[in-house]
């Protein structure tokens, strides 16, 4: 039985792979959400407060105060659940205004 060889890829090009969250709606995060991730922080803390939304999501450890930035797909993958939900109105108030809407 012969093995089939893959066609060589041109230099600098990589095959397009599907994102892990294809087909699922993104999780709605709000400023002030208290989330639990799959593994505890090295300090022993298990919960994180969301304090920044944008290209990266800012998390602050509830136990030691350490601040980390995670991209959305990584956070969605590591999320074990919500302990407490934040305020949707505050998140909407802090959202950036599109340039066209300001005119």
N, C-alpha and C. Protein backbone atom coordinates (compact mmCIF):
# COMPACT_ATOMS: atom_id res chain seq x y z
N UNK A 1 0.84 -1.18 0.00
CA UNK A 1 0.00 0.00 0.00
C UNK A 1 0.89 1.24 0.00
N UNK A 2 0.67 2.12 -0.93
CA UNK A 2 1.48 3.33 -1.04
C UNK A 2 0.86 4.48 -0.26
N UNK A 3 1.71 5.29 0.32
CA UNK A 3 1.23 6.50 1.01
C UNK A 3 1.12 7.61 -0.01
N UNK A 4 0.07 8.38 0.12
CA UNK A 4 -0.09 9.52 -0.77
C UNK A 4 0.67 10.71 -0.19
N UNK A 5 1.39 11.37 -1.04
CA UNK A 5 2.13 12.54 -0.60
C UNK A 5 1.30 13.78 -0.78
N UNK A 6 1.46 14.71 0.14
CA UNK A 6 0.79 16.00 0.02
C UNK A 6 1.52 16.86 -0.99
N UNK A 7 0.77 17.66 -1.71
CA UNK A 7 1.39 18.58 -2.66
C UNK A 7 2.19 19.61 -1.89
N UNK A 8 3.37 19.95 -2.35
CA UNK A 8 4.18 20.95 -1.62
C UNK A 8 3.50 22.31 -1.63
N UNK A 9 3.59 23.01 -0.51
CA UNK A 9 3.02 24.35 -0.37
C UNK A 9 4.04 25.37 -0.84
N UNK A 10 3.59 26.43 -1.53
CA UNK A 10 4.51 27.51 -1.89
C UNK A 10 5.12 28.12 -0.63
N UNK A 11 6.34 28.58 -0.74
CA UNK A 11 7.04 29.16 0.41
C UNK A 11 6.26 30.32 0.99
N UNK A 12 6.12 30.34 2.28
CA UNK A 12 5.45 31.45 2.97
C UNK A 12 3.95 31.32 3.06
N UNK A 13 3.35 30.32 2.42
CA UNK A 13 1.90 30.14 2.49
C UNK A 13 1.59 28.92 3.33
N UNK A 14 0.57 29.06 4.17
CA UNK A 14 0.14 27.96 5.01
C UNK A 14 -1.31 27.64 4.66
N UNK A 15 -1.71 26.39 4.78
CA UNK A 15 -3.10 26.07 4.49
C UNK A 15 -4.03 26.74 5.50
N UNK A 16 -5.21 27.13 5.04
CA UNK A 16 -6.17 27.79 5.91
C UNK A 16 -6.85 26.73 6.76
N UNK A 17 -6.84 26.94 8.07
CA UNK A 17 -7.47 26.01 8.99
C UNK A 17 -8.70 26.67 9.60
N UNK A 18 -9.69 25.90 9.89
CA UNK A 18 -10.92 26.43 10.49
C UNK A 18 -10.64 26.83 11.94
N UNK A 19 -11.21 27.94 12.34
CA UNK A 19 -11.08 28.38 13.72
C UNK A 19 -11.84 27.41 14.62
N UNK A 20 -11.42 27.23 15.88
CA UNK A 20 -12.09 26.27 16.75
C UNK A 20 -13.53 26.63 17.08
N UNK A 21 -13.90 27.90 16.95
CA UNK A 21 -15.24 28.31 17.33
C UNK A 21 -16.17 28.49 16.13
N UNK A 22 -15.81 27.92 14.97
CA UNK A 22 -16.66 28.05 13.79
C UNK A 22 -17.97 27.32 14.05
N UNK A 23 -19.06 28.00 13.75
CA UNK A 23 -20.36 27.39 13.94
C UNK A 23 -20.99 27.69 15.29
N UNK A 24 -20.25 28.29 16.18
CA UNK A 24 -20.79 28.65 17.50
C UNK A 24 -20.82 30.16 17.63
N UNK A 25 -21.83 30.65 18.30
CA UNK A 25 -21.92 32.09 18.55
C UNK A 25 -20.88 32.48 19.60
N UNK A 26 -20.27 33.66 19.47
CA UNK A 26 -19.29 34.07 20.49
C UNK A 26 -19.97 34.30 21.84
N UNK A 27 -19.24 34.04 22.89
CA UNK A 27 -19.74 34.25 24.25
C UNK A 27 -19.79 35.75 24.51
N UNK A 28 -20.87 36.21 25.11
CA UNK A 28 -21.01 37.64 25.44
C UNK A 28 -20.33 37.89 26.78
N UNK A 29 -19.27 38.69 26.76
CA UNK A 29 -18.57 39.08 27.98
C UNK A 29 -18.91 40.52 28.29
N UNK A 30 -19.02 40.86 29.57
CA UNK A 30 -19.29 42.22 30.02
C UNK A 30 -18.21 42.65 31.00
N UNK A 31 -18.00 43.97 31.08
CA UNK A 31 -17.09 44.51 32.09
C UNK A 31 -17.65 44.14 33.46
N UNK A 32 -16.80 43.61 34.32
CA UNK A 32 -17.23 43.25 35.66
C UNK A 32 -17.63 41.79 35.82
N UNK A 33 -17.65 41.01 34.73
CA UNK A 33 -17.95 39.58 34.86
C UNK A 33 -16.91 38.91 35.75
N UNK A 34 -17.35 38.00 36.58
CA UNK A 34 -16.45 37.18 37.39
C UNK A 34 -16.50 35.79 36.80
N UNK A 35 -15.37 35.33 36.25
CA UNK A 35 -15.35 34.04 35.55
C UNK A 35 -14.41 33.07 36.24
N UNK A 36 -14.69 31.78 36.02
CA UNK A 36 -13.83 30.71 36.52
C UNK A 36 -13.24 30.03 35.29
N UNK A 37 -11.91 29.87 35.29
CA UNK A 37 -11.24 29.21 34.19
C UNK A 37 -10.98 27.75 34.55
N UNK A 38 -10.57 26.97 33.57
CA UNK A 38 -10.39 25.53 33.79
C UNK A 38 -9.34 25.20 34.84
N UNK A 39 -8.25 25.96 34.86
CA UNK A 39 -7.19 25.69 35.82
C UNK A 39 -7.03 26.88 36.74
N UNK A 40 -6.70 26.66 38.01
CA UNK A 40 -6.50 27.79 38.92
C UNK A 40 -5.19 28.53 38.61
N UNK A 41 -5.13 29.77 39.04
CA UNK A 41 -3.93 30.59 38.92
C UNK A 41 -2.87 30.03 39.87
N UNK A 42 -1.58 30.18 39.59
CA UNK A 42 -0.54 29.66 40.49
C UNK A 42 -0.63 30.19 41.92
N UNK A 43 -1.25 31.35 42.11
CA UNK A 43 -1.39 31.88 43.47
C UNK A 43 -2.46 31.14 44.26
N UNK A 44 -3.25 30.31 43.58
CA UNK A 44 -4.31 29.57 44.24
C UNK A 44 -5.70 30.13 43.94
N UNK A 45 -5.77 31.32 43.34
CA UNK A 45 -7.05 31.92 43.02
C UNK A 45 -7.74 31.20 41.87
N UNK A 46 -9.05 31.12 41.94
CA UNK A 46 -9.81 30.41 40.91
C UNK A 46 -10.70 31.33 40.08
N UNK A 47 -10.89 32.57 40.51
CA UNK A 47 -11.79 33.46 39.79
C UNK A 47 -11.05 34.67 39.25
N UNK A 48 -11.55 35.19 38.13
CA UNK A 48 -10.96 36.33 37.44
C UNK A 48 -12.05 37.34 37.13
N UNK A 49 -11.75 38.62 37.29
CA UNK A 49 -12.68 39.71 36.97
C UNK A 49 -12.30 40.28 35.60
N UNK A 50 -13.27 40.42 34.71
CA UNK A 50 -13.02 41.01 33.39
C UNK A 50 -13.03 42.51 33.54
N UNK A 51 -11.91 43.16 33.15
CA UNK A 51 -11.82 44.62 33.30
C UNK A 51 -11.49 45.34 32.00
N UNK A 52 -11.40 44.61 30.90
CA UNK A 52 -11.12 45.24 29.61
C UNK A 52 -11.70 44.38 28.51
N UNK A 53 -12.40 45.02 27.58
CA UNK A 53 -12.93 44.33 26.40
C UNK A 53 -12.38 45.02 25.16
N UNK A 54 -11.97 44.27 24.20
CA UNK A 54 -11.43 44.83 22.97
C UNK A 54 -10.85 43.70 22.15
N UNK A 55 -9.77 43.97 21.43
CA UNK A 55 -9.12 42.90 20.67
C UNK A 55 -8.65 41.81 21.62
N UNK A 56 -8.17 42.20 22.78
CA UNK A 56 -7.83 41.26 23.85
C UNK A 56 -8.75 41.54 25.02
N UNK A 57 -8.98 40.54 25.84
CA UNK A 57 -9.83 40.69 27.02
C UNK A 57 -8.94 40.69 28.24
N UNK A 58 -9.07 41.73 29.07
CA UNK A 58 -8.26 41.86 30.27
C UNK A 58 -8.91 41.16 31.45
N UNK A 59 -8.11 40.37 32.15
CA UNK A 59 -8.58 39.65 33.34
C UNK A 59 -7.70 40.01 34.52
N UNK A 60 -8.31 40.17 35.69
CA UNK A 60 -7.56 40.43 36.91
C UNK A 60 -7.88 39.33 37.91
N UNK A 61 -6.85 38.69 38.44
CA UNK A 61 -7.03 37.62 39.42
C UNK A 61 -7.68 38.19 40.67
N UNK A 62 -8.73 37.56 41.15
CA UNK A 62 -9.43 38.05 42.33
C UNK A 62 -8.64 37.84 43.61
N UNK A 63 -7.65 36.97 43.58
CA UNK A 63 -6.91 36.68 44.79
C UNK A 63 -5.63 37.51 44.93
N UNK A 64 -4.82 37.58 43.85
CA UNK A 64 -3.54 38.29 43.97
C UNK A 64 -3.49 39.61 43.20
N UNK A 65 -4.47 39.86 42.32
CA UNK A 65 -4.51 41.12 41.58
C UNK A 65 -3.71 41.12 40.29
N UNK A 66 -3.13 40.01 39.91
CA UNK A 66 -2.35 39.92 38.67
C UNK A 66 -3.25 40.19 37.47
N UNK A 67 -2.74 40.96 36.48
CA UNK A 67 -3.51 41.31 35.29
C UNK A 67 -2.93 40.60 34.08
N UNK A 68 -3.79 39.94 33.30
CA UNK A 68 -3.36 39.26 32.08
C UNK A 68 -4.30 39.64 30.95
N UNK A 69 -3.81 39.55 29.72
CA UNK A 69 -4.62 39.77 28.53
C UNK A 69 -4.70 38.46 27.75
N UNK A 70 -5.91 38.07 27.39
CA UNK A 70 -6.12 36.87 26.57
C UNK A 70 -6.95 37.25 25.36
N UNK A 71 -6.67 36.61 24.23
CA UNK A 71 -7.54 36.85 23.09
C UNK A 71 -8.83 36.06 23.29
N UNK A 72 -9.88 36.47 22.59
CA UNK A 72 -11.21 35.89 22.80
C UNK A 72 -11.25 34.37 22.60
N UNK A 73 -10.69 33.83 21.51
CA UNK A 73 -10.77 32.37 21.35
C UNK A 73 -10.10 31.59 22.50
N UNK A 74 -8.99 32.10 23.00
CA UNK A 74 -8.31 31.43 24.11
C UNK A 74 -9.16 31.49 25.37
N UNK A 75 -9.76 32.65 25.64
CA UNK A 75 -10.60 32.78 26.83
C UNK A 75 -11.83 31.89 26.72
N UNK A 76 -12.46 31.84 25.55
CA UNK A 76 -13.64 30.99 25.37
C UNK A 76 -13.28 29.52 25.56
N UNK A 77 -12.11 29.13 25.12
CA UNK A 77 -11.68 27.74 25.27
C UNK A 77 -11.38 27.40 26.73
N UNK A 78 -10.81 28.34 27.49
CA UNK A 78 -10.43 28.08 28.88
C UNK A 78 -11.56 28.34 29.88
N UNK A 79 -12.65 28.92 29.43
CA UNK A 79 -13.75 29.30 30.32
C UNK A 79 -14.45 28.06 30.88
N UNK A 80 -14.57 28.00 32.20
CA UNK A 80 -15.30 26.92 32.86
C UNK A 80 -16.71 27.38 33.21
N UNK A 81 -16.90 28.68 33.43
CA UNK A 81 -18.23 29.19 33.75
C UNK A 81 -18.18 30.57 34.34
N UNK A 82 -19.37 31.16 34.46
CA UNK A 82 -19.51 32.48 35.06
C UNK A 82 -19.89 32.30 36.53
N UNK A 83 -19.22 33.02 37.39
CA UNK A 83 -19.56 33.03 38.81
C UNK A 83 -20.57 34.14 39.06
N UNK A 84 -20.35 35.27 38.39
CA UNK A 84 -21.22 36.45 38.55
C UNK A 84 -21.17 37.22 37.23
N UNK A 85 -22.30 37.75 36.81
CA UNK A 85 -22.35 38.50 35.55
C UNK A 85 -22.19 39.98 35.84
N UNK A 86 -21.48 40.67 34.94
CA UNK A 86 -21.27 42.10 35.05
C UNK A 86 -22.46 42.87 34.51
N UNK A 87 -22.29 44.17 34.36
CA UNK A 87 -23.35 45.06 33.92
C UNK A 87 -23.26 45.29 32.42
N UNK A 88 -24.28 44.89 31.68
CA UNK A 88 -24.29 45.06 30.22
C UNK A 88 -24.34 46.54 29.85
N UNK A 89 -25.03 47.35 30.66
CA UNK A 89 -25.13 48.79 30.38
C UNK A 89 -23.77 49.47 30.49
N UNK A 90 -22.97 49.07 31.47
CA UNK A 90 -21.64 49.67 31.63
C UNK A 90 -20.75 49.28 30.46
N UNK A 91 -20.82 48.03 30.02
CA UNK A 91 -20.03 47.59 28.89
C UNK A 91 -20.41 48.36 27.63
N UNK A 92 -21.71 48.61 27.44
CA UNK A 92 -22.16 49.35 26.26
C UNK A 92 -21.70 50.80 26.34
N UNK A 93 -21.69 51.38 27.53
CA UNK A 93 -21.27 52.78 27.70
C UNK A 93 -19.78 52.94 27.43
N UNK A 94 -18.98 51.91 27.71
CA UNK A 94 -17.54 51.98 27.50
C UNK A 94 -17.11 51.55 26.11
N UNK A 95 -18.05 51.04 25.31
CA UNK A 95 -17.72 50.58 23.96
C UNK A 95 -17.33 51.76 23.09
N UNK A 96 -16.36 51.57 22.19
CA UNK A 96 -15.97 52.67 21.31
C UNK A 96 -17.08 53.03 20.34
N UNK A 97 -17.16 54.31 20.01
CA UNK A 97 -18.17 54.80 19.07
C UNK A 97 -17.57 54.75 17.67
N UNK A 98 -18.26 54.16 16.70
CA UNK A 98 -17.73 54.14 15.34
C UNK A 98 -17.57 55.56 14.80
N UNK A 99 -16.59 55.77 13.97
CA UNK A 99 -16.30 57.11 13.44
C UNK A 99 -17.47 57.69 12.66
N UNK A 100 -18.18 56.89 11.91
CA UNK A 100 -19.30 57.37 11.12
C UNK A 100 -20.45 57.84 12.00
N UNK A 101 -20.65 57.23 13.17
CA UNK A 101 -21.77 57.57 14.05
C UNK A 101 -21.52 58.90 14.77
N UNK A 102 -20.27 59.34 14.87
CA UNK A 102 -19.95 60.57 15.61
C UNK A 102 -20.31 61.82 14.81
N UNK A 103 -20.51 61.71 13.52
CA UNK A 103 -20.79 62.87 12.68
C UNK A 103 -22.21 63.28 12.69
